[in-house]
Amino acid sequence: MTKDAVGAFCRRNGLTGNMAGKAPEGTGSRCKECGAALVQADGMKTRVFCSAQCRKKWWKEHPISRIEPKIPALKERAKVAAYARVSMENTL
């Protein structure tokens, strides 16, 4: 039996573990979508969502957050590029 077959069986039967369990007191880490308490694993990337379902739902409802640059210099560069693009279109 392969590892993938075991994983599929566990997912189908709800045996995948508790990804969104009780968070330790005072941590304040909650799912961005549903607000469920998140357990953060030491040495791992910080969890933001309790499940793939919540992650997909949140990104579907917030598509602009995906495109908007996070660094101010990149925002300014994007504005300049947009202005240049409009200027070029007007000259043609």
N, C-alpha and C. Protein backbone atom coordinates (compact mmCIF):
# COMPACT_ATOMS: atom_id res chain seq x y z
N MET A 1 0.85 -1.18 0.00
CA MET A 1 0.00 0.00 0.00
C MET A 1 0.89 1.24 0.00
N THR A 2 0.57 2.19 -0.86
CA THR A 2 1.40 3.39 -0.97
C THR A 2 1.05 4.43 0.09
N LYS A 3 1.96 5.36 0.28
CA LYS A 3 1.74 6.46 1.22
C LYS A 3 0.55 7.31 0.78
N ASP A 4 0.42 7.55 -0.52
CA ASP A 4 -0.69 8.34 -1.04
C ASP A 4 -2.04 7.67 -0.79
N ALA A 5 -2.09 6.34 -0.89
CA ALA A 5 -3.33 5.61 -0.64
C ALA A 5 -3.74 5.75 0.82
N VAL A 6 -2.76 5.68 1.71
CA VAL A 6 -3.05 5.83 3.15
C VAL A 6 -3.54 7.25 3.43
N GLY A 7 -2.87 8.26 2.83
CA GLY A 7 -3.28 9.65 3.02
C GLY A 7 -4.69 9.89 2.51
N ALA A 8 -5.02 9.34 1.35
CA ALA A 8 -6.36 9.51 0.79
C ALA A 8 -7.41 8.87 1.70
N PHE A 9 -7.11 7.69 2.21
CA PHE A 9 -8.04 7.01 3.12
C PHE A 9 -8.27 7.86 4.37
N CYS A 10 -7.20 8.40 4.92
CA CYS A 10 -7.32 9.22 6.14
C CYS A 10 -8.15 10.48 5.87
N ARG A 11 -7.92 11.13 4.73
CA ARG A 11 -8.71 12.33 4.41
C ARG A 11 -10.18 12.00 4.24
N ARG A 12 -10.48 10.91 3.54
CA ARG A 12 -11.88 10.52 3.32
C ARG A 12 -12.60 10.21 4.63
N ASN A 13 -11.87 9.70 5.60
CA ASN A 13 -12.49 9.28 6.85
C ASN A 13 -12.26 10.24 8.01
N GLY A 14 -11.83 11.46 7.70
CA GLY A 14 -11.68 12.48 8.74
C GLY A 14 -10.58 12.18 9.74
N LEU A 15 -9.52 11.53 9.32
CA LEU A 15 -8.42 11.17 10.21
C LEU A 15 -7.17 11.99 9.94
N THR A 16 -7.36 13.25 9.57
CA THR A 16 -6.22 14.08 9.17
C THR A 16 -5.60 14.85 10.33
N GLY A 17 -6.11 14.75 11.51
CA GLY A 17 -5.54 15.46 12.65
C GLY A 17 -6.29 16.74 12.93
N ASN A 18 -5.81 17.47 13.91
CA ASN A 18 -6.47 18.69 14.35
C ASN A 18 -5.59 19.87 14.00
N MET A 19 -5.78 20.43 12.81
CA MET A 19 -4.96 21.56 12.36
C MET A 19 -5.40 22.86 13.03
N ALA A 20 -6.66 22.98 13.35
CA ALA A 20 -7.17 24.22 13.97
C ALA A 20 -7.67 23.89 15.36
N GLY A 21 -6.78 23.52 16.23
CA GLY A 21 -7.16 23.16 17.59
C GLY A 21 -7.12 24.37 18.50
N LYS A 22 -6.95 24.14 19.77
CA LYS A 22 -6.86 25.23 20.73
C LYS A 22 -5.48 25.86 20.67
N ALA A 23 -5.46 27.15 20.55
CA ALA A 23 -4.19 27.86 20.55
C ALA A 23 -3.76 28.10 21.99
N PRO A 24 -2.46 28.14 22.24
CA PRO A 24 -1.99 28.46 23.59
C PRO A 24 -2.48 29.84 24.00
N GLU A 25 -2.72 30.02 25.28
CA GLU A 25 -3.24 31.29 25.79
C GLU A 25 -2.32 32.45 25.43
N GLY A 26 -2.91 33.53 24.99
CA GLY A 26 -2.17 34.76 24.73
C GLY A 26 -1.50 34.83 23.37
N THR A 27 -1.62 33.81 22.54
CA THR A 27 -0.95 33.86 21.24
C THR A 27 -1.73 34.72 20.26
N GLY A 28 -3.05 34.63 20.30
CA GLY A 28 -3.87 35.47 19.43
C GLY A 28 -3.84 35.09 17.97
N SER A 29 -3.30 33.93 17.62
CA SER A 29 -3.28 33.54 16.21
C SER A 29 -4.62 32.91 15.85
N ARG A 30 -5.29 33.54 14.91
CA ARG A 30 -6.61 33.11 14.47
C ARG A 30 -6.64 33.03 12.96
N CYS A 31 -7.51 32.17 12.45
CA CYS A 31 -7.71 32.03 11.01
C CYS A 31 -8.26 33.35 10.45
N LYS A 32 -7.70 33.81 9.33
CA LYS A 32 -8.15 35.06 8.72
C LYS A 32 -9.59 34.98 8.25
N GLU A 33 -10.05 33.79 7.88
CA GLU A 33 -11.39 33.63 7.33
C GLU A 33 -12.44 33.38 8.40
N CYS A 34 -12.26 32.33 9.20
CA CYS A 34 -13.32 31.92 10.13
C CYS A 34 -13.05 32.28 11.58
N GLY A 35 -11.82 32.68 11.90
CA GLY A 35 -11.50 33.07 13.26
C GLY A 35 -11.18 31.92 14.20
N ALA A 36 -11.03 30.71 13.68
CA ALA A 36 -10.69 29.56 14.52
C ALA A 36 -9.28 29.74 15.08
N ALA A 37 -9.07 29.27 16.29
CA ALA A 37 -7.75 29.35 16.91
C ALA A 37 -6.78 28.44 16.15
N LEU A 38 -5.56 28.93 15.94
CA LEU A 38 -4.56 28.17 15.20
C LEU A 38 -3.43 27.72 16.13
N VAL A 39 -2.95 26.52 15.91
CA VAL A 39 -1.79 26.03 16.64
C VAL A 39 -0.58 26.23 15.76
N GLN A 40 0.39 26.99 16.26
CA GLN A 40 1.60 27.26 15.50
C GLN A 40 2.67 26.25 15.89
N ALA A 41 3.29 25.61 14.89
CA ALA A 41 4.35 24.64 15.13
C ALA A 41 5.69 25.36 15.18
N ASP A 42 6.53 25.00 16.15
CA ASP A 42 7.85 25.60 16.27
C ASP A 42 8.70 25.27 15.05
N GLY A 43 9.41 26.25 14.55
CA GLY A 43 10.30 26.05 13.43
C GLY A 43 9.61 25.96 12.08
N MET A 44 8.31 26.21 12.04
CA MET A 44 7.56 26.14 10.78
C MET A 44 7.04 27.53 10.43
N LYS A 45 6.61 27.69 9.19
CA LYS A 45 6.02 28.94 8.73
C LYS A 45 4.75 29.22 9.54
N THR A 46 4.51 30.48 9.85
CA THR A 46 3.34 30.88 10.63
C THR A 46 2.07 30.58 9.86
N ARG A 47 1.14 29.87 10.50
CA ARG A 47 -0.13 29.55 9.87
C ARG A 47 -1.01 30.79 9.85
N VAL A 48 -1.74 30.96 8.76
CA VAL A 48 -2.64 32.10 8.62
C VAL A 48 -4.08 31.62 8.52
N PHE A 49 -4.28 30.44 7.94
CA PHE A 49 -5.61 29.86 7.77
C PHE A 49 -5.67 28.50 8.45
N CYS A 50 -6.86 28.10 8.88
CA CYS A 50 -7.01 26.81 9.55
C CYS A 50 -7.10 25.66 8.57
N SER A 51 -7.49 25.93 7.33
CA SER A 51 -7.64 24.86 6.35
C SER A 51 -7.48 25.42 4.94
N ALA A 52 -7.33 24.52 3.99
CA ALA A 52 -7.23 24.93 2.59
C ALA A 52 -8.55 25.57 2.15
N GLN A 53 -9.65 25.08 2.67
CA GLN A 53 -10.97 25.62 2.32
C GLN A 53 -11.06 27.10 2.73
N CYS A 54 -10.64 27.43 3.95
CA CYS A 54 -10.67 28.82 4.40
C CYS A 54 -9.70 29.67 3.59
N ARG A 55 -8.52 29.13 3.28
CA ARG A 55 -7.55 29.87 2.49
C ARG A 55 -8.11 30.20 1.11
N LYS A 56 -8.70 29.25 0.44
CA LYS A 56 -9.26 29.47 -0.90
C LYS A 56 -10.41 30.47 -0.86
N LYS A 57 -11.27 30.33 0.16
CA LYS A 57 -12.42 31.23 0.28
C LYS A 57 -11.95 32.66 0.51
N TRP A 58 -10.94 32.85 1.40
CA TRP A 58 -10.45 34.19 1.70
C TRP A 58 -9.85 34.83 0.46
N TRP A 59 -9.01 34.09 -0.29
CA TRP A 59 -8.37 34.66 -1.48
C TRP A 59 -9.39 34.94 -2.57
N LYS A 60 -10.45 34.15 -2.64
CA LYS A 60 -11.49 34.41 -3.63
C LYS A 60 -12.22 35.72 -3.32
N GLU A 61 -12.39 36.00 -2.03
CA GLU A 61 -13.08 37.22 -1.61
C GLU A 61 -12.16 38.45 -1.58
N HIS A 62 -10.84 38.26 -1.62
CA HIS A 62 -9.87 39.36 -1.54
C HIS A 62 -8.87 39.28 -2.69
N PRO A 63 -9.31 39.32 -3.94
CA PRO A 63 -8.37 39.17 -5.05
C PRO A 63 -7.39 40.33 -5.19
N ILE A 64 -7.77 41.53 -4.77
CA ILE A 64 -6.89 42.69 -4.92
C ILE A 64 -5.67 42.56 -4.02
N SER A 65 -5.78 41.88 -2.89
CA SER A 65 -4.65 41.70 -1.99
C SER A 65 -3.55 40.89 -2.66
N ARG A 66 -3.92 40.07 -3.62
CA ARG A 66 -2.95 39.24 -4.32
C ARG A 66 -2.09 40.07 -5.27
N ILE A 67 -2.67 41.12 -5.84
CA ILE A 67 -1.97 41.90 -6.85
C ILE A 67 -1.24 43.09 -6.25
N GLU A 68 -1.80 43.68 -5.23
CA GLU A 68 -1.27 44.90 -4.65
C GLU A 68 0.13 44.67 -4.08
N PRO A 69 1.12 45.41 -4.55
CA PRO A 69 2.48 45.24 -4.04
C PRO A 69 2.57 45.59 -2.56
N LYS A 70 3.39 44.87 -1.84
CA LYS A 70 3.52 45.07 -0.40
C LYS A 70 4.55 46.13 -0.05
N ILE A 71 5.50 46.41 -0.94
CA ILE A 71 6.58 47.34 -0.66
C ILE A 71 6.25 48.70 -1.28
N PRO A 72 6.35 49.79 -0.51
CA PRO A 72 5.99 51.12 -1.04
C PRO A 72 6.72 51.48 -2.33
N ALA A 73 8.00 51.13 -2.47
CA ALA A 73 8.75 51.46 -3.68
C ALA A 73 8.13 50.77 -4.89
N LEU A 74 7.66 49.55 -4.71
CA LEU A 74 7.04 48.83 -5.81
C LEU A 74 5.70 49.45 -6.18
N LYS A 75 4.98 49.97 -5.19
CA LYS A 75 3.71 50.65 -5.48
C LYS A 75 3.98 51.87 -6.34
N GLU A 76 5.01 52.62 -5.99
CA GLU A 76 5.35 53.83 -6.74
C GLU A 76 5.78 53.45 -8.16
N ARG A 77 6.57 52.40 -8.28
CA ARG A 77 7.01 51.94 -9.60
C ARG A 77 5.81 51.52 -10.46
N ALA A 78 4.82 50.88 -9.83
CA ALA A 78 3.63 50.45 -10.56
C ALA A 78 2.85 51.67 -11.06
N LYS A 79 2.78 52.73 -10.24
CA LYS A 79 2.09 53.95 -10.66
C LYS A 79 2.79 54.59 -11.86
N VAL A 80 4.12 54.64 -11.81
CA VAL A 80 4.90 55.23 -12.89
C VAL A 80 4.70 54.41 -14.16
N ALA A 81 4.73 53.10 -14.05
CA ALA A 81 4.56 52.23 -15.22
C ALA A 81 3.16 52.42 -15.81
N ALA A 82 2.15 52.56 -14.97
CA ALA A 82 0.79 52.76 -15.46
C ALA A 82 0.68 54.11 -16.17
N TYR A 83 1.30 55.14 -15.60
CA TYR A 83 1.27 56.46 -16.22
C TYR A 83 1.98 56.42 -17.58
N ALA A 84 3.12 55.75 -17.64
CA ALA A 84 3.87 55.65 -18.89
C ALA A 84 3.06 54.90 -19.94
N ARG A 85 2.38 53.86 -19.53
CA ARG A 85 1.57 53.06 -20.46
C ARG A 85 0.44 53.92 -21.04
N VAL A 86 -0.23 54.71 -20.20
CA VAL A 86 -1.31 55.58 -20.66
C VAL A 86 -0.74 56.66 -21.58
N SER A 87 0.41 57.22 -21.23
CA SER A 87 1.03 58.25 -22.07
C SER A 87 1.38 57.70 -23.45
N MET A 88 1.90 56.47 -23.49
CA MET A 88 2.25 55.86 -24.76
C MET A 88 1.01 55.62 -25.61
N GLU A 89 -0.08 55.20 -24.98
CA GLU A 89 -1.33 54.95 -25.71
C GLU A 89 -1.88 56.23 -26.31
N ASN A 90 -1.72 57.34 -25.59
CA ASN A 90 -2.24 58.63 -26.06
C ASN A 90 -1.44 59.20 -27.22
N THR A 91 -0.17 58.81 -27.34
CA THR A 91 0.66 59.34 -28.40
C THR A 91 0.51 58.58 -29.71
N LEU A 92 -0.05 57.40 -29.65
CA LEU A 92 -0.21 56.59 -30.87
C LEU A 92 -1.41 56.99 -31.68
